């Protein structure tokens, strides 16, 4: 497993940009893993959530289809092996600006609402992640309402 993550990073980085680009890739992996946790939290895998998850990653990261598939594979593996959210939220706290953190929470709401039903476990997990990455409660609520009622 660690070998595949290392190979993924090394195949996309030249030695000169290794440290700087690795930061972006590792935060992308952490973000994807957190979004996967949101999808899994209601114990039902819905095709609409999967579709929205892939769309959110594609748009927010701007990566190729092949890279997207590899990232999702790695994120699924990493999420299933994780014992806590800390390893992901620590990376987000270390490397994301506040605006990026709010965008991550908003993307989680997009995934949670994509099946047109907000489960209490999804909301609880997004709240917990929001607190762990120090997003204010007002921004937590604001992003929820923006996603829930986009046209209002």
N, C-alpha and C. Protein backbone atom coordinates (compact mmCIF):
# COMPACT_ATOMS: atom_id res chain seq x y z
N UNK A 1 0.82 -1.18 0.00
CA UNK A 1 0.00 0.00 0.00
C UNK A 1 0.87 1.26 0.00
N UNK A 2 1.84 1.33 0.90
CA UNK A 2 2.72 2.50 0.94
C UNK A 2 3.51 2.64 -0.36
N UNK A 3 3.84 1.52 -0.95
CA UNK A 3 4.57 1.54 -2.21
C UNK A 3 3.73 2.20 -3.29
N UNK A 4 2.44 1.87 -3.35
CA UNK A 4 1.59 2.45 -4.39
C UNK A 4 1.43 3.95 -4.20
N UNK A 5 1.34 4.41 -2.96
CA UNK A 5 1.25 5.85 -2.71
C UNK A 5 2.55 6.53 -3.14
N UNK A 6 3.66 5.94 -2.77
CA UNK A 6 4.96 6.50 -3.13
C UNK A 6 5.12 6.55 -4.65
N UNK A 7 4.74 5.47 -5.33
CA UNK A 7 4.85 5.43 -6.79
C UNK A 7 3.95 6.48 -7.43
N UNK A 8 2.75 6.67 -6.88
CA UNK A 8 1.83 7.67 -7.40
C UNK A 8 2.46 9.06 -7.33
N UNK A 9 3.03 9.40 -6.18
CA UNK A 9 3.67 10.70 -6.03
C UNK A 9 4.90 10.84 -6.92
N UNK A 10 5.75 9.82 -6.94
CA UNK A 10 6.99 9.89 -7.71
C UNK A 10 6.74 9.97 -9.20
N UNK A 11 5.70 9.30 -9.69
CA UNK A 11 5.43 9.31 -11.13
C UNK A 11 4.96 10.68 -11.61
N UNK A 12 4.47 11.51 -10.71
CA UNK A 12 3.96 12.82 -11.10
C UNK A 12 4.88 13.98 -10.73
N UNK A 13 6.03 13.67 -10.15
CA UNK A 13 6.91 14.73 -9.68
C UNK A 13 8.32 14.55 -10.23
N UNK A 14 8.91 15.68 -10.62
CA UNK A 14 10.33 15.64 -10.93
C UNK A 14 11.07 15.91 -9.62
N UNK A 15 12.31 15.48 -9.48
CA UNK A 15 13.02 15.67 -8.21
C UNK A 15 13.06 17.12 -7.73
N UNK A 16 13.14 18.07 -8.62
CA UNK A 16 13.25 19.48 -8.22
C UNK A 16 11.97 19.98 -7.57
N UNK A 17 10.82 19.48 -8.02
CA UNK A 17 9.57 19.97 -7.47
C UNK A 17 8.97 19.00 -6.46
N UNK A 18 9.69 17.99 -6.09
CA UNK A 18 9.20 16.91 -5.24
C UNK A 18 8.56 17.42 -3.95
N UNK A 19 9.27 18.21 -3.18
CA UNK A 19 8.76 18.63 -1.88
C UNK A 19 7.54 19.53 -2.01
N UNK A 20 7.61 20.50 -2.91
CA UNK A 20 6.50 21.44 -3.06
C UNK A 20 5.26 20.75 -3.62
N UNK A 21 5.39 19.95 -4.65
CA UNK A 21 4.24 19.31 -5.27
C UNK A 21 3.68 18.20 -4.39
N UNK A 22 4.54 17.52 -3.63
CA UNK A 22 4.08 16.46 -2.74
C UNK A 22 3.07 17.01 -1.74
N UNK A 23 3.27 18.22 -1.32
CA UNK A 23 2.34 18.86 -0.39
C UNK A 23 0.95 18.91 -0.99
N UNK A 24 0.84 19.33 -2.25
CA UNK A 24 -0.45 19.39 -2.91
C UNK A 24 -1.07 18.03 -3.08
N UNK A 25 -0.28 17.07 -3.50
CA UNK A 25 -0.80 15.74 -3.73
C UNK A 25 -1.23 15.07 -2.43
N UNK A 26 -0.46 15.25 -1.39
CA UNK A 26 -0.84 14.61 -0.13
C UNK A 26 -2.09 15.26 0.45
N UNK A 27 -2.27 16.56 0.28
CA UNK A 27 -3.50 17.19 0.75
C UNK A 27 -4.68 16.79 -0.13
N UNK A 28 -4.44 16.59 -1.42
CA UNK A 28 -5.50 16.09 -2.30
C UNK A 28 -5.94 14.71 -1.85
N UNK A 29 -4.99 13.88 -1.49
CA UNK A 29 -5.30 12.53 -1.01
C UNK A 29 -6.07 12.61 0.31
N UNK A 30 -5.65 13.47 1.21
CA UNK A 30 -6.34 13.63 2.49
C UNK A 30 -7.76 14.14 2.29
N UNK A 31 -7.93 15.12 1.40
CA UNK A 31 -9.27 15.65 1.11
C UNK A 31 -10.18 14.58 0.53
N UNK A 32 -9.65 13.83 -0.42
CA UNK A 32 -10.43 12.76 -1.04
C UNK A 32 -10.82 11.70 -0.01
N UNK A 33 -9.90 11.36 0.87
CA UNK A 33 -10.19 10.36 1.91
C UNK A 33 -11.27 10.85 2.86
N UNK A 34 -11.24 12.14 3.21
CA UNK A 34 -12.29 12.68 4.08
C UNK A 34 -13.65 12.67 3.38
N UNK A 35 -13.66 12.97 2.09
CA UNK A 35 -14.92 12.93 1.34
C UNK A 35 -15.45 11.50 1.25
N UNK A 36 -14.56 10.55 1.11
CA UNK A 36 -14.96 9.13 1.09
C UNK A 36 -15.58 8.76 2.43
N UNK A 37 -15.01 9.25 3.51
CA UNK A 37 -15.58 8.98 4.84
C UNK A 37 -17.00 9.52 4.93
N UNK A 38 -17.25 10.68 4.35
CA UNK A 38 -18.61 11.24 4.34
C UNK A 38 -19.54 10.33 3.55
N UNK A 39 -19.10 9.85 2.40
CA UNK A 39 -19.92 8.96 1.59
C UNK A 39 -20.25 7.67 2.34
N UNK A 40 -19.32 7.15 3.09
CA UNK A 40 -19.50 5.90 3.81
C UNK A 40 -20.28 6.06 5.12
N UNK A 41 -20.38 7.26 5.62
CA UNK A 41 -20.93 7.47 6.97
C UNK A 41 -22.38 7.03 7.13
N UNK A 42 -23.16 7.08 6.07
CA UNK A 42 -24.56 6.67 6.19
C UNK A 42 -24.77 5.19 5.90
N UNK A 43 -23.69 4.47 5.67
CA UNK A 43 -23.70 3.02 5.44
C UNK A 43 -24.48 2.61 4.19
N UNK A 44 -24.65 3.55 3.27
CA UNK A 44 -25.28 3.25 1.98
C UNK A 44 -24.46 3.94 0.90
N UNK A 45 -24.01 3.17 -0.06
CA UNK A 45 -23.28 3.75 -1.18
C UNK A 45 -24.27 4.04 -2.29
N UNK A 46 -24.48 5.28 -2.55
CA UNK A 46 -25.43 5.74 -3.55
C UNK A 46 -24.67 6.17 -4.79
N UNK A 47 -25.16 5.81 -5.95
CA UNK A 47 -24.50 6.17 -7.22
C UNK A 47 -24.43 7.69 -7.39
N UNK A 48 -25.43 8.40 -6.88
CA UNK A 48 -25.42 9.86 -7.00
C UNK A 48 -24.30 10.48 -6.16
N UNK A 49 -24.05 9.90 -4.98
CA UNK A 49 -22.95 10.39 -4.14
C UNK A 49 -21.61 10.11 -4.81
N UNK A 50 -21.46 8.94 -5.37
CA UNK A 50 -20.23 8.57 -6.08
C UNK A 50 -19.99 9.52 -7.25
N UNK A 51 -21.03 9.79 -8.00
CA UNK A 51 -20.92 10.68 -9.16
C UNK A 51 -20.51 12.09 -8.72
N UNK A 52 -21.16 12.59 -7.66
CA UNK A 52 -20.84 13.93 -7.16
C UNK A 52 -19.42 13.99 -6.60
N UNK A 53 -19.01 12.93 -5.91
CA UNK A 53 -17.66 12.84 -5.37
C UNK A 53 -16.63 12.98 -6.49
N UNK A 54 -16.81 12.22 -7.57
CA UNK A 54 -15.87 12.28 -8.70
C UNK A 54 -15.90 13.66 -9.36
N UNK A 55 -17.09 14.23 -9.48
CA UNK A 55 -17.22 15.56 -10.08
C UNK A 55 -16.52 16.62 -9.22
N UNK A 56 -16.74 16.57 -7.92
CA UNK A 56 -16.11 17.53 -7.00
C UNK A 56 -14.60 17.43 -7.09
N UNK A 57 -14.07 16.21 -7.09
CA UNK A 57 -12.62 16.03 -7.19
C UNK A 57 -12.09 16.56 -8.52
N UNK A 58 -12.76 16.21 -9.60
CA UNK A 58 -12.32 16.63 -10.93
C UNK A 58 -12.28 18.16 -11.03
N UNK A 59 -13.33 18.81 -10.57
CA UNK A 59 -13.42 20.27 -10.66
C UNK A 59 -12.43 20.95 -9.72
N UNK A 60 -12.39 20.50 -8.46
CA UNK A 60 -11.55 21.19 -7.48
C UNK A 60 -10.07 20.95 -7.68
N UNK A 61 -9.70 19.78 -8.22
CA UNK A 61 -8.29 19.47 -8.39
C UNK A 61 -7.79 19.70 -9.81
N UNK A 62 -8.70 19.67 -10.77
CA UNK A 62 -8.31 19.87 -12.16
C UNK A 62 -7.30 18.85 -12.65
N UNK A 63 -7.55 17.58 -12.37
CA UNK A 63 -6.61 16.54 -12.78
C UNK A 63 -7.22 15.66 -13.87
N UNK A 64 -6.36 14.94 -14.57
CA UNK A 64 -6.81 14.07 -15.66
C UNK A 64 -7.64 12.92 -15.12
N UNK A 65 -8.37 12.28 -16.03
CA UNK A 65 -9.22 11.14 -15.67
C UNK A 65 -8.39 10.01 -15.07
N UNK A 66 -7.24 9.74 -15.66
CA UNK A 66 -6.37 8.66 -15.17
C UNK A 66 -5.85 8.98 -13.76
N UNK A 67 -5.38 10.20 -13.56
CA UNK A 67 -4.90 10.61 -12.24
C UNK A 67 -6.03 10.59 -11.22
N UNK A 68 -7.22 10.97 -11.66
CA UNK A 68 -8.38 10.95 -10.77
C UNK A 68 -8.66 9.53 -10.29
N UNK A 69 -8.64 8.58 -11.21
CA UNK A 69 -8.89 7.18 -10.84
C UNK A 69 -7.85 6.68 -9.85
N UNK A 70 -6.59 7.02 -10.07
CA UNK A 70 -5.53 6.59 -9.16
C UNK A 70 -5.69 7.24 -7.78
N UNK A 71 -6.01 8.51 -7.78
CA UNK A 71 -6.19 9.22 -6.52
C UNK A 71 -7.36 8.62 -5.73
N UNK A 72 -8.45 8.33 -6.41
CA UNK A 72 -9.62 7.76 -5.75
C UNK A 72 -9.28 6.38 -5.18
N UNK A 73 -8.57 5.59 -5.95
CA UNK A 73 -8.15 4.26 -5.48
C UNK A 73 -7.31 4.37 -4.21
N UNK A 74 -6.33 5.26 -4.25
CA UNK A 74 -5.46 5.45 -3.09
C UNK A 74 -6.24 6.00 -1.89
N UNK A 75 -7.14 6.93 -2.16
CA UNK A 75 -7.93 7.53 -1.08
C UNK A 75 -8.85 6.49 -0.43
N UNK A 76 -9.44 5.64 -1.24
CA UNK A 76 -10.31 4.58 -0.70
C UNK A 76 -9.49 3.65 0.20
N UNK A 77 -8.32 3.28 -0.28
CA UNK A 77 -7.45 2.40 0.49
C UNK A 77 -7.02 3.06 1.79
N UNK A 78 -6.61 4.30 1.70
CA UNK A 78 -6.15 5.05 2.87
C UNK A 78 -7.30 5.23 3.87
N UNK A 79 -8.49 5.55 3.38
CA UNK A 79 -9.64 5.75 4.26
C UNK A 79 -10.02 4.46 4.97
N UNK A 80 -9.95 3.34 4.26
CA UNK A 80 -10.33 2.07 4.90
C UNK A 80 -9.30 1.61 5.92
N UNK A 81 -8.06 2.05 5.79
CA UNK A 81 -7.01 1.67 6.73
C UNK A 81 -6.86 2.64 7.90
N UNK A 82 -7.46 3.79 7.78
CA UNK A 82 -7.29 4.83 8.81
C UNK A 82 -7.99 4.43 10.10
N UNK A 83 -7.35 4.75 11.20
CA UNK A 83 -7.95 4.47 12.51
C UNK A 83 -8.64 5.71 13.09
N UNK A 84 -8.33 6.87 12.53
CA UNK A 84 -8.98 8.11 12.97
C UNK A 84 -8.91 9.13 11.84
N UNK A 85 -9.60 10.23 12.04
CA UNK A 85 -9.58 11.32 11.06
C UNK A 85 -8.33 12.19 11.20
N UNK A 86 -7.62 12.02 12.29
CA UNK A 86 -6.50 12.89 12.62
C UNK A 86 -5.45 12.97 11.52
N UNK A 87 -5.07 11.83 10.95
CA UNK A 87 -4.01 11.86 9.94
C UNK A 87 -4.41 12.70 8.73
N UNK A 88 -5.70 12.75 8.43
CA UNK A 88 -6.16 13.56 7.30
C UNK A 88 -6.33 15.02 7.71
N UNK A 89 -6.95 15.25 8.85
CA UNK A 89 -7.21 16.63 9.27
C UNK A 89 -5.92 17.35 9.65
N UNK A 90 -4.93 16.62 10.11
CA UNK A 90 -3.65 17.24 10.44
C UNK A 90 -3.02 17.84 9.18
N UNK A 91 -3.04 17.07 8.08
CA UNK A 91 -2.50 17.58 6.81
C UNK A 91 -3.28 18.80 6.33
N UNK A 92 -4.59 18.73 6.45
CA UNK A 92 -5.42 19.86 6.03
C UNK A 92 -5.09 21.09 6.88
N UNK A 93 -4.97 20.91 8.18
CA UNK A 93 -4.64 22.04 9.06
C UNK A 93 -3.26 22.61 8.76
N UNK A 94 -2.31 21.75 8.45
CA UNK A 94 -0.95 22.20 8.20
C UNK A 94 -0.81 22.94 6.87
N UNK A 95 -1.64 22.60 5.90
CA UNK A 95 -1.35 23.07 4.54
C UNK A 95 -2.47 23.82 3.84
N UNK A 96 -3.66 23.84 4.40
CA UNK A 96 -4.77 24.54 3.75
C UNK A 96 -4.98 25.90 4.40
N UNK A 97 -5.35 26.86 3.58
CA UNK A 97 -5.77 28.16 4.12
C UNK A 97 -7.20 27.99 4.64
N UNK A 98 -7.66 28.99 5.36
CA UNK A 98 -9.02 28.92 5.88
C UNK A 98 -10.04 28.81 4.74
N UNK A 99 -9.82 29.55 3.68
CA UNK A 99 -10.73 29.52 2.53
C UNK A 99 -10.78 28.11 1.91
N UNK A 100 -9.64 27.45 1.82
CA UNK A 100 -9.60 26.08 1.29
C UNK A 100 -10.33 25.11 2.21
N UNK A 101 -10.22 25.32 3.50
CA UNK A 101 -10.92 24.47 4.46
C UNK A 101 -12.43 24.62 4.31
N UNK A 102 -12.89 25.86 4.16
CA UNK A 102 -14.32 26.11 3.98
C UNK A 102 -14.79 25.46 2.68
N UNK A 103 -13.98 25.56 1.63
CA UNK A 103 -14.34 24.92 0.35
C UNK A 103 -14.44 23.40 0.50
N UNK A 104 -13.55 22.82 1.29
CA UNK A 104 -13.60 21.38 1.55
C UNK A 104 -14.90 21.00 2.25
N UNK A 105 -15.28 21.77 3.26
CA UNK A 105 -16.53 21.49 3.98
C UNK A 105 -17.72 21.64 3.03
N UNK A 106 -17.69 22.64 2.19
CA UNK A 106 -18.78 22.84 1.21
C UNK A 106 -18.86 21.64 0.26
N UNK A 107 -17.72 21.13 -0.17
CA UNK A 107 -17.71 19.96 -1.05
C UNK A 107 -18.27 18.73 -0.34
N UNK A 108 -18.00 18.61 0.94
CA UNK A 108 -18.58 17.50 1.71
C UNK A 108 -20.10 17.61 1.76
N UNK A 109 -20.60 18.83 1.94
CA UNK A 109 -22.06 19.03 1.92
C UNK A 109 -22.61 18.64 0.55
N UNK A 110 -21.91 18.99 -0.52
CA UNK A 110 -22.38 18.63 -1.87
C UNK A 110 -22.56 17.12 -1.99
N UNK A 111 -21.60 16.40 -1.48
CA UNK A 111 -21.67 14.93 -1.54
C UNK A 111 -22.82 14.44 -0.67
N UNK A 112 -22.94 14.96 0.53
CA UNK A 112 -23.99 14.51 1.45
C UNK A 112 -25.39 14.78 0.90
N UNK A 113 -25.59 15.92 0.25
CA UNK A 113 -26.90 16.27 -0.28
C UNK A 113 -27.17 15.69 -1.67
N UNK A 114 -26.18 15.10 -2.31
CA UNK A 114 -26.35 14.65 -3.69
C UNK A 114 -27.39 13.56 -3.85
N UNK A 115 -27.64 12.78 -2.81
CA UNK A 115 -28.69 11.75 -2.89
C UNK A 115 -30.03 12.27 -2.41
N UNK A 116 -30.13 13.60 -2.23
CA UNK A 116 -31.35 14.29 -1.84
C UNK A 116 -31.86 13.89 -0.45
N UNK A 117 -30.95 13.34 0.37
CA UNK A 117 -31.30 12.97 1.73
C UNK A 117 -30.08 13.14 2.62
N UNK A 118 -30.19 14.02 3.59
CA UNK A 118 -29.09 14.23 4.52
C UNK A 118 -29.27 13.29 5.71
N UNK A 119 -28.36 12.37 5.85
CA UNK A 119 -28.39 11.41 6.95
C UNK A 119 -27.75 12.04 8.18
N UNK A 120 -28.23 11.69 9.36
CA UNK A 120 -27.69 12.27 10.59
C UNK A 120 -26.21 11.93 10.78
N UNK A 121 -25.78 10.78 10.27
CA UNK A 121 -24.38 10.39 10.40
C UNK A 121 -23.48 11.22 9.46
N UNK A 122 -24.01 11.56 8.30
CA UNK A 122 -23.26 12.43 7.39
C UNK A 122 -23.08 13.81 8.03
N UNK A 123 -24.17 14.35 8.56
CA UNK A 123 -24.09 15.66 9.18
C UNK A 123 -23.14 15.66 10.38
N UNK A 124 -23.22 14.62 11.18
CA UNK A 124 -22.34 14.51 12.35
C UNK A 124 -20.87 14.48 11.93
N UNK A 125 -20.56 13.70 10.90
CA UNK A 125 -19.17 13.60 10.45
C UNK A 125 -18.67 14.91 9.87
N UNK A 126 -19.48 15.57 9.08
CA UNK A 126 -19.06 16.86 8.52
C UNK A 126 -18.85 17.87 9.64
N UNK A 127 -19.71 17.86 10.63
CA UNK A 127 -19.55 18.76 11.79
C UNK A 127 -18.23 18.46 12.51
N UNK A 128 -17.95 17.18 12.72
CA UNK A 128 -16.72 16.77 13.40
C UNK A 128 -15.48 17.21 12.62
N UNK A 129 -15.49 16.97 11.31
CA UNK A 129 -14.36 17.37 10.46
C UNK A 129 -14.21 18.89 10.48
N UNK A 130 -15.33 19.58 10.39
CA UNK A 130 -15.32 21.04 10.43
C UNK A 130 -14.64 21.55 11.70
N UNK A 131 -14.98 20.94 12.82
CA UNK A 131 -14.37 21.33 14.09
C UNK A 131 -12.88 20.99 14.11
N UNK A 132 -12.51 19.84 13.57
CA UNK A 132 -11.11 19.41 13.58
C UNK A 132 -10.21 20.28 12.70
N UNK A 133 -10.79 20.88 11.66
CA UNK A 133 -9.99 21.75 10.80
C UNK A 133 -10.24 23.23 11.11
N UNK A 134 -10.92 23.48 12.23
CA UNK A 134 -11.12 24.84 12.75
C UNK A 134 -11.90 25.75 11.81
N UNK A 135 -12.95 25.20 11.21
CA UNK A 135 -13.88 26.02 10.44
C UNK A 135 -14.95 26.48 11.42
N UNK A 136 -15.25 27.75 11.40
CA UNK A 136 -16.21 28.30 12.36
C UNK A 136 -17.60 27.68 12.15
N UNK A 137 -18.36 27.70 13.23
CA UNK A 137 -19.72 27.14 13.16
C UNK A 137 -20.56 27.92 12.15
N UNK A 138 -20.38 29.22 12.10
CA UNK A 138 -21.17 30.03 11.15
C UNK A 138 -20.84 29.65 9.70
N UNK A 139 -19.58 29.38 9.40
CA UNK A 139 -19.22 28.94 8.05
C UNK A 139 -19.70 27.52 7.77
N UNK A 140 -19.70 26.68 8.79
CA UNK A 140 -20.25 25.32 8.69
C UNK A 140 -21.72 25.40 8.28
N UNK A 141 -22.50 26.24 8.96
CA UNK A 141 -23.92 26.39 8.67
C UNK A 141 -24.13 27.08 7.32
N UNK A 142 -23.37 28.14 7.06
CA UNK A 142 -23.51 28.89 5.80
C UNK A 142 -23.29 27.98 4.59
N UNK A 143 -22.23 27.15 4.62
CA UNK A 143 -21.96 26.27 3.48
C UNK A 143 -23.06 25.21 3.35
N UNK A 144 -23.57 24.75 4.46
CA UNK A 144 -24.66 23.77 4.42
C UNK A 144 -25.88 24.38 3.72
N UNK A 145 -26.24 25.59 4.12
CA UNK A 145 -27.41 26.24 3.52
C UNK A 145 -27.19 26.60 2.06
N UNK A 146 -25.97 26.99 1.70
CA UNK A 146 -25.67 27.29 0.30
C UNK A 146 -25.86 26.07 -0.59
N UNK A 147 -25.46 24.92 -0.09
CA UNK A 147 -25.58 23.69 -0.88
C UNK A 147 -27.02 23.18 -0.87
N UNK A 148 -27.66 23.29 0.27
CA UNK A 148 -29.03 22.79 0.41
C UNK A 148 -30.01 23.59 -0.44
N UNK A 149 -29.82 24.92 -0.50
CA UNK A 149 -30.71 25.79 -1.24
C UNK A 149 -29.93 26.68 -2.20
N UNK A 150 -29.34 26.09 -3.23
CA UNK A 150 -28.48 26.90 -4.11
C UNK A 150 -29.21 27.97 -4.90
N UNK A 151 -30.49 27.79 -5.21
CA UNK A 151 -31.18 28.75 -6.05
C UNK A 151 -31.90 29.83 -5.26
N UNK A 152 -31.99 29.69 -3.96
CA UNK A 152 -32.72 30.68 -3.16
C UNK A 152 -31.89 31.88 -2.85
